[in-house]
Amino acid sequence: MEIIFITIPITILFIATGVALFFWASKGGQFDDLDSPAHRILFDDDIAPNDHADKKQPAPENKEDKPVTNKQP
């Protein structure tokens, strides 16, 4: 029965902390706009596939590292 004198104040402290954190987040604008972040991903610009083709590939160091091509010598 004596444990209840410890658990009730600890529980009240946890509840008060949770309520204070909720009001702090609410005052900071955390819950202002819940829909825009979900829709923002649909309107992001993607990188075009040809953008990576302009970058140079590293040169092969020896003959074994040469890329295989379909061209005949």
PDB file of N, CA and C in Angstrom:
ATOM      1  N   MET A   1       0.813  -1.196   0.000  1.00  0.00           N
ATOM      2  CA  MET A   1       0.000   0.000   0.000  1.00  0.00           C
ATOM      3  C   MET A   1       0.859   1.264   0.000  1.00  0.00           C
ATOM      4  N   GLU A   2       2.067   1.140   0.538  1.00  0.00           N
ATOM      5  CA  GLU A   2       2.943   2.302   0.597  1.00  0.00           C
ATOM      6  C   GLU A   2       3.481   2.676  -0.782  1.00  0.00           C
ATOM      7  N   ILE A   3       3.487   1.732  -1.715  1.00  0.00           N
ATOM      8  CA  ILE A   3       3.984   1.999  -3.058  1.00  0.00           C
ATOM      9  C   ILE A   3       3.103   3.007  -3.793  1.00  0.00           C
ATOM     10  N   ILE A   4       1.843   3.069  -3.398  1.00  0.00           N
ATOM     11  CA  ILE A   4       0.916   3.999  -4.049  1.00  0.00           C
ATOM     12  C   ILE A   4       1.308   5.448  -3.771  1.00  0.00           C
ATOM     13  N   PHE A   5       1.989   5.704  -2.667  1.00  0.00           N
ATOM     14  CA  PHE A   5       2.442   7.052  -2.358  1.00  0.00           C
ATOM     15  C   PHE A   5       3.597   7.473  -3.273  1.00  0.00           C
ATOM     16  N   ILE A   6       4.238   6.516  -3.891  1.00  0.00           N
ATOM     17  CA  ILE A   6       5.320   6.806  -4.841  1.00  0.00           C
ATOM     18  C   ILE A   6       4.786   6.851  -6.269  1.00  0.00           C
ATOM     19  N   THR A   7       3.913   5.917  -6.630  1.00  0.00           N
ATOM     20  CA  THR A   7       3.466   5.808  -8.018  1.00  0.00           C
ATOM     21  C   THR A   7       2.505   6.931  -8.431  1.00  0.00           C
ATOM     22  N   ILE A   8       1.665   7.396  -7.528  1.00  0.00           N
ATOM     23  CA  ILE A   8       0.724   8.457  -7.886  1.00  0.00           C
ATOM     24  C   ILE A   8       1.449   9.773  -8.199  1.00  0.00           C
ATOM     25  N   PRO A   9       2.401  10.239  -7.400  1.00  0.00           N
ATOM     26  CA  PRO A   9       3.124  11.468  -7.779  1.00  0.00           C
ATOM     27  C   PRO A   9       3.939  11.311  -9.068  1.00  0.00           C
ATOM     28  N   ILE A  10       4.532  10.138  -9.271  1.00  0.00           N
ATOM     29  CA  ILE A  10       5.291   9.905 -10.507  1.00  0.00           C
ATOM     30  C   ILE A  10       4.354   9.936 -11.712  1.00  0.00           C
ATOM     31  N   THR A  11       3.164   9.335 -11.585  1.00  0.00           N
ATOM     32  CA  THR A  11       2.189   9.343 -12.669  1.00  0.00           C
ATOM     33  C   THR A  11       1.713  10.761 -12.958  1.00  0.00           C
ATOM     34  N   ILE A  12       1.449  11.535 -11.935  1.00  0.00           N
ATOM     35  CA  ILE A  12       1.027  12.926 -12.127  1.00  0.00           C
ATOM     36  C   ILE A  12       2.139  13.729 -12.794  1.00  0.00           C
ATOM     37  N   LEU A  13       3.391  13.469 -12.424  1.00  0.00           N
ATOM     38  CA  LEU A  13       4.523  14.143 -13.050  1.00  0.00           C
ATOM     39  C   LEU A  13       4.622  13.798 -14.540  1.00  0.00           C
ATOM     40  N   PHE A  14       4.437  12.512 -14.905  1.00  0.00           N
ATOM     41  CA  PHE A  14       4.458  12.089 -16.305  1.00  0.00           C
ATOM     42  C   PHE A  14       3.319  12.726 -17.099  1.00  0.00           C
ATOM     43  N   ILE A  15       2.156  12.767 -16.533  1.00  0.00           N
ATOM     44  CA  ILE A  15       1.002  13.365 -17.212  1.00  0.00           C
ATOM     45  C   ILE A  15       1.226  14.865 -17.413  1.00  0.00           C
ATOM     46  N   ALA A  16       1.723  15.550 -16.379  1.00  0.00           N
ATOM     47  CA  ALA A  16       1.986  16.987 -16.497  1.00  0.00           C
ATOM     48  C   ALA A  16       3.063  17.256 -17.548  1.00  0.00           C
ATOM     49  N   THR A  17       4.079  16.408 -17.614  1.00  0.00           N
ATOM     50  CA  THR A  17       5.126  16.564 -18.629  1.00  0.00           C
ATOM     51  C   THR A  17       4.558  16.356 -20.023  1.00  0.00           C
ATOM     52  N   GLY A  18       3.722  15.353 -20.193  1.00  0.00           N
ATOM     53  CA  GLY A  18       3.102  15.105 -21.495  1.00  0.00           C
ATOM     54  C   GLY A  18       2.212  16.243 -21.939  1.00  0.00           C
ATOM     55  N   VAL A  19       1.422  16.774 -21.026  1.00  0.00           N
ATOM     56  CA  VAL A  19       0.541  17.903 -21.359  1.00  0.00           C
ATOM     57  C   VAL A  19       1.377  19.131 -21.698  1.00  0.00           C
ATOM     58  N   ALA A  20       2.452  19.376 -20.946  1.00  0.00           N
ATOM     59  CA  ALA A  20       3.315  20.526 -21.224  1.00  0.00           C
ATOM     60  C   ALA A  20       3.985  20.378 -22.589  1.00  0.00           C
ATOM     61  N   LEU A  21       4.444  19.175 -22.944  1.00  0.00           N
ATOM     62  CA  LEU A  21       5.050  18.951 -24.257  1.00  0.00           C
ATOM     63  C   LEU A  21       4.041  19.124 -25.382  1.00  0.00           C
ATOM     64  N   PHE A  22       2.808  18.698 -25.158  1.00  0.00           N
ATOM     65  CA  PHE A  22       1.769  18.877 -26.170  1.00  0.00           C
ATOM     66  C   PHE A  22       1.506  20.350 -26.419  1.00  0.00           C
ATOM     67  N   PHE A  23       1.352  21.135 -25.361  1.00  0.00           N
ATOM     68  CA  PHE A  23       1.086  22.557 -25.540  1.00  0.00           C
ATOM     69  C   PHE A  23       2.292  23.280 -26.126  1.00  0.00           C
ATOM     70  N   TRP A  24       3.499  22.841 -25.795  1.00  0.00           N
ATOM     71  CA  TRP A  24       4.708  23.424 -26.367  1.00  0.00           C
ATOM     72  C   TRP A  24       4.769  23.161 -27.874  1.00  0.00           C
ATOM     73  N   ALA A  25       4.452  21.938 -28.291  1.00  0.00           N
ATOM     74  CA  ALA A  25       4.448  21.608 -29.715  1.00  0.00           C
ATOM     75  C   ALA A  25       3.323  22.329 -30.437  1.00  0.00           C
ATOM     76  N   SER A  26       2.198  22.448 -29.814  1.00  0.00           N
ATOM     77  CA  SER A  26       1.064  23.141 -30.421  1.00  0.00           C
ATOM     78  C   SER A  26       1.350  24.635 -30.572  1.00  0.00           C
ATOM     79  N   LYS A  27       1.961  25.230 -29.580  1.00  0.00           N
ATOM     80  CA  LYS A  27       2.310  26.645 -29.644  1.00  0.00           C
ATOM     81  C   LYS A  27       3.398  26.897 -30.685  1.00  0.00           C
ATOM     82  N   GLY A  28       4.267  25.928 -30.908  1.00  0.00           N
ATOM     83  CA  GLY A  28       5.346  26.064 -31.884  1.00  0.00           C
ATOM     84  C   GLY A  28       4.913  25.824 -33.313  1.00  0.00           C
ATOM     85  N   GLY A  29       3.653  25.491 -33.546  1.00  0.00           N
ATOM     86  CA  GLY A  29       3.153  25.312 -34.902  1.00  0.00           C
ATOM     87  C   GLY A  29       3.328  23.910 -35.457  1.00  0.00           C
ATOM     88  N   GLN A  30       3.585  22.945 -34.615  1.00  0.00           N
ATOM     89  CA  GLN A  30       3.805  21.578 -35.067  1.00  0.00           C
ATOM     90  C   GLN A  30       2.566  20.979 -35.732  1.00  0.00           C
ATOM     91  N   PHE A  31       1.384  21.360 -35.306  1.00  0.00           N
ATOM     92  CA  PHE A  31       0.153  20.749 -35.802  1.00  0.00           C
ATOM     93  C   PHE A  31      -0.640  21.691 -36.714  1.00  0.00           C
ATOM     94  N   ASP A  32      -0.009  22.735 -37.241  1.00  0.00           N
ATOM     95  CA  ASP A  32      -0.724  23.715 -38.056  1.00  0.00           C
ATOM     96  C   ASP A  32      -1.182  23.149 -39.394  1.00  0.00           C
ATOM     97  N   ASP A  33      -0.282  22.519 -40.141  1.00  0.00           N
ATOM     98  CA  ASP A  33      -0.599  22.054 -41.489  1.00  0.00           C
ATOM     99  C   ASP A  33      -0.233  20.585 -41.613  1.00  0.00           C
ATOM    100  N   LEU A  34      -1.232  19.725 -41.559  1.00  0.00           N
ATOM    101  CA  LEU A  34      -0.975  18.296 -41.615  1.00  0.00           C
ATOM    102  C   LEU A  34      -1.107  17.721 -43.025  1.00  0.00           C
ATOM    103  N   ASP A  35      -1.717  18.458 -43.957  1.00  0.00           N
ATOM    104  CA  ASP A  35      -1.967  17.920 -45.292  1.00  0.00           C
ATOM    105  C   ASP A  35      -0.862  18.233 -46.293  1.00  0.00           C
ATOM    106  N   SER A  36      -0.257  19.395 -46.220  1.00  0.00           N
ATOM    107  CA  SER A  36       0.732  19.796 -47.230  1.00  0.00           C
ATOM    108  C   SER A  36       1.944  18.868 -47.309  1.00  0.00           C
ATOM    109  N   PRO A  37       2.543  18.439 -46.196  1.00  0.00           N
ATOM    110  CA  PRO A  37       3.695  17.554 -46.328  1.00  0.00           C
ATOM    111  C   PRO A  37       3.357  16.229 -47.024  1.00  0.00           C
ATOM    112  N   ALA A  38       2.142  15.757 -46.866  1.00  0.00           N
ATOM    113  CA  ALA A  38       1.761  14.506 -47.518  1.00  0.00           C
ATOM    114  C   ALA A  38       1.603  14.688 -49.020  1.00  0.00           C
ATOM    115  N   HIS A  39       1.186  15.868 -49.454  1.00  0.00           N
ATOM    116  CA  HIS A  39       0.986  16.124 -50.878  1.00  0.00           C
ATOM    117  C   HIS A  39       2.239  16.680 -51.554  1.00  0.00           C
ATOM    118  N   ARG A  40       3.169  17.183 -50.788  1.00  0.00           N
ATOM    119  CA  ARG A  40       4.371  17.796 -51.347  1.00  0.00           C
ATOM    120  C   ARG A  40       5.212  16.797 -52.132  1.00  0.00           C
ATOM    121  N   ILE A  41       5.225  15.545 -51.711  1.00  0.00           N
ATOM    122  CA  ILE A  41       6.026  14.543 -52.400  1.00  0.00           C
ATOM    123  C   ILE A  41       5.518  14.297 -53.817  1.00  0.00           C
ATOM    124  N   LEU A  42       4.243  14.541 -54.071  1.00  0.00           N
ATOM    125  CA  LEU A  42       3.687  14.324 -55.401  1.00  0.00           C
ATOM    126  C   LEU A  42       4.132  15.395 -56.386  1.00  0.00           C
ATOM    127  N   PHE A  43       4.537  16.559 -55.907  1.00  0.00           N
ATOM    128  CA  PHE A  43       4.884  17.672 -56.780  1.00  0.00           C
ATOM    129  C   PHE A  43       6.378  17.948 -56.848  1.00  0.00           C
ATOM    130  N   ASP A  44       7.210  17.117 -56.238  1.00  0.00           N
ATOM    131  CA  ASP A  44       8.653  17.311 -56.321  1.00  0.00           C
ATOM    132  C   ASP A  44       9.139  17.034 -57.736  1.00  0.00           C
ATOM    133  N   ASP A  45      10.117  17.814 -58.182  1.00  0.00           N
ATOM    134  CA  ASP A  45      10.698  17.593 -59.499  1.00  0.00           C
ATOM    135  C   ASP A  45      11.696  16.443 -59.414  1.00  0.00           C
ATOM    136  N   ASP A  46      11.563  15.522 -60.345  1.00  0.00           N
ATOM    137  CA  ASP A  46      12.492  14.399 -60.405  1.00  0.00           C
ATOM    138  C   ASP A  46      13.670  14.765 -61.301  1.00  0.00           C
ATOM    139  N   ILE A  47      14.776  14.092 -61.097  1.00  0.00           N
ATOM    140  CA  ILE A  47      15.941  14.293 -61.941  1.00  0.00           C
ATOM    141  C   ILE A  47      15.696  13.572 -63.263  1.00  0.00           C
ATOM    142  N   ALA A  48      15.947  14.272 -64.365  1.00  0.00           N
ATOM    143  CA  ALA A  48      15.750  13.668 -65.678  1.00  0.00           C
ATOM    144  C   ALA A  48      16.774  12.555 -65.885  1.00  0.00           C
ATOM    145  N   PRO A  49      16.414  11.479 -66.591  1.00  0.00           N
ATOM    146  CA  PRO A  49      17.350  10.367 -66.773  1.00  0.00           C
ATOM    147  C   PRO A  49      18.585  10.756 -67.574  1.00  0.00           C
ATOM    148  N   ASN A  50      18.528  11.783 -68.414  1.00  0.00           N
ATOM    149  CA  ASN A  50      19.677  12.172 -69.224  1.00  0.00           C
ATOM    150  C   ASN A  50      20.696  12.992 -68.442  1.00  0.00           C
ATOM    151  N   ASP A  51      20.376  13.442 -67.274  1.00  0.00           N
ATOM    152  CA  ASP A  51      21.320  14.238 -66.487  1.00  0.00           C
ATOM    153  C   ASP A  51      22.544  13.434 -66.084  1.00  0.00           C
ATOM    154  N   HIS A  52      22.388  12.145 -65.875  1.00  0.00           N
ATOM    155  CA  HIS A  52      23.512  11.318 -65.453  1.00  0.00           C
ATOM    156  C   HIS A  52      24.381  10.915 -66.637  1.00  0.00           C
ATOM    157  N   ALA A  53      23.889  11.007 -67.866  1.00  0.00           N
ATOM    158  CA  ALA A  53      24.657  10.599 -69.038  1.00  0.00           C
ATOM    159  C   ALA A  53      25.769  11.590 -69.338  1.00  0.00           C
ATOM    160  N   ASP A  54      25.660  12.824 -68.892  1.00  0.00           N
ATOM    161  CA  ASP A  54      26.670  13.833 -69.178  1.00  0.00           C
ATOM    162  C   ASP A  54      27.918  13.670 -68.320  1.00  0.00           C
ATOM    163  N   LYS A  55      27.819  12.974 -67.229  1.00  0.00           N
ATOM    164  CA  LYS A  55      28.962  12.802 -66.341  1.00  0.00           C
ATOM    165  C   LYS A  55      29.936  11.799 -66.948  1.00  0.00           C
ATOM    166  N   LYS A  56      31.230  12.083 -66.797  1.00  0.00           N
ATOM    167  CA  LYS A  56      32.255  11.200 -67.353  1.00  0.00           C
ATOM    168  C   LYS A  56      32.391   9.943 -66.490  1.00  0.00           C
ATOM    169  N   GLN A  57      32.617   8.841 -67.164  1.00  0.00           N
ATOM    170  CA  GLN A  57      32.917   7.588 -66.486  1.00  0.00           C
ATOM    171  C   GLN A  57      34.416   7.540 -66.234  1.00  0.00           C
ATOM    172  N   PRO A  58      34.866   6.924 -65.153  1.00  0.00           N
ATOM    173  CA  PRO A  58      36.309   6.828 -64.920  1.00  0.00           C
ATOM    174  C   PRO A  58      36.966   5.961 -65.993  1.00  0.00           C
ATOM    175  N   ALA A  59      38.147   6.365 -66.388  1.00  0.00           N
ATOM    176  CA  ALA A  59      38.868   5.631 -67.429  1.00  0.00           C
ATOM    177  C   ALA A  59      39.338   4.292 -66.873  1.00  0.00           C
ATOM    178  N   PRO A  60      39.274   3.216 -67.697  1.00  0.00           N
ATOM    179  CA  PRO A  60      39.766   1.916 -67.243  1.00  0.00           C
ATOM    180  C   PRO A  60      41.284   1.960 -67.055  1.00  0.00           C
ATOM    181  N   GLU A  61      41.767   1.270 -66.032  1.00  0.00           N
ATOM    182  CA  GLU A  61      43.187   1.314 -65.711  1.00  0.00           C
ATOM    183  C   GLU A  61      44.005   0.366 -66.581  1.00  0.00           C
ATOM    184  N   ASN A  62      43.458  -0.772 -66.958  1.00  0.00           N
ATOM    185  CA  ASN A  62      44.196  -1.686 -67.827  1.00  0.00           C
ATOM    186  C   ASN A  62      43.236  -2.337 -68.809  1.00  0.00           C
ATOM    187  N   LYS A  63      43.728  -3.205 -69.641  1.00  0.00           N
ATOM    188  CA  LYS A  63      42.914  -3.774 -70.709  1.00  0.00           C
ATOM    189  C   LYS A  63      41.793  -4.671 -70.185  1.00  0.00           C
ATOM    190  N   GLU A  64      41.998  -5.317 -69.071  1.00  0.00           N
ATOM    191  CA  GLU A  64      40.966  -6.199 -68.535  1.00  0.00           C
ATOM    192  C   GLU A  64      39.762  -5.409 -68.022  1.00  0.00           C
ATOM    193  N   ASP A  65      39.952  -4.132 -67.674  1.00  0.00           N
ATOM    194  CA  ASP A  65      38.884  -3.326 -67.116  1.00  0.00           C
ATOM    195  C   ASP A  65      38.044  -2.607 -68.165  1.00  0.00           C
ATOM    196  N   LYS A  66      38.371  -2.780 -69.461  1.00  0.00           N
ATOM    197  CA  LYS A  66      37.639  -2.065 -70.497  1.00  0.00           C
ATOM    198  C   LYS A  66      36.195  -2.571 -70.545  1.00  0.00           C
ATOM    199  N   PRO A  67      35.265  -1.657 -70.752  1.00  0.00           N
ATOM    200  CA  PRO A  67      33.861  -2.102 -70.840  1.00  0.00           C
ATOM    201  C   PRO A  67      33.627  -2.881 -72.127  1.00  0.00           C
ATOM    202  N   VAL A  68      32.720  -3.824 -72.062  1.00  0.00           N
ATOM    203  CA  VAL A  68      32.378  -4.638 -73.215  1.00  0.00           C
ATOM    204  C   VAL A  68      31.417  -3.856 -74.095  1.00  0.00           C
ATOM    205  N   THR A  69      31.704  -3.807 -75.396  1.00  0.00           N
ATOM    206  CA  THR A  69      30.839  -3.119 -76.333  1.00  0.00           C
ATOM    207  C   THR A  69      30.364  -4.085 -77.402  1.00  0.00           C
ATOM    208  N   ASN A  70      29.326  -3.710 -78.118  1.00  0.00           N
ATOM    209  CA  ASN A  70      28.791  -4.561 -79.189  1.00  0.00           C
ATOM    210  C   ASN A  70      29.447  -4.283 -80.523  1.00  0.00           C
ATOM    211  N   LYS A  71      30.343  -3.322 -80.573  1.00  0.00           N
ATOM    212  CA  LYS A  71      31.028  -3.001 -81.831  1.00  0.00           C
ATOM    213  C   LYS A  71      32.090  -4.049 -82.126  1.00  0.00           C
ATOM    214  N   GLN A  72      32.191  -4.404 -83.401  1.00  0.00           N
ATOM    215  CA  GLN A  72      33.230  -5.347 -83.820  1.00  0.00           C
ATOM    216  C   GLN A  72      34.445  -4.566 -84.267  1.00  0.00           C
ATOM    217  N   PRO A  73      35.674  -5.078 -84.021  1.00  0.00           N
ATOM    218  CA  PRO A  73      36.892  -4.337 -84.391  1.00  0.00           C
ATOM    219  C   PRO A  73      37.098  -4.232 -85.879  1.00  0.00           C
TER     220      PRO A  73
END
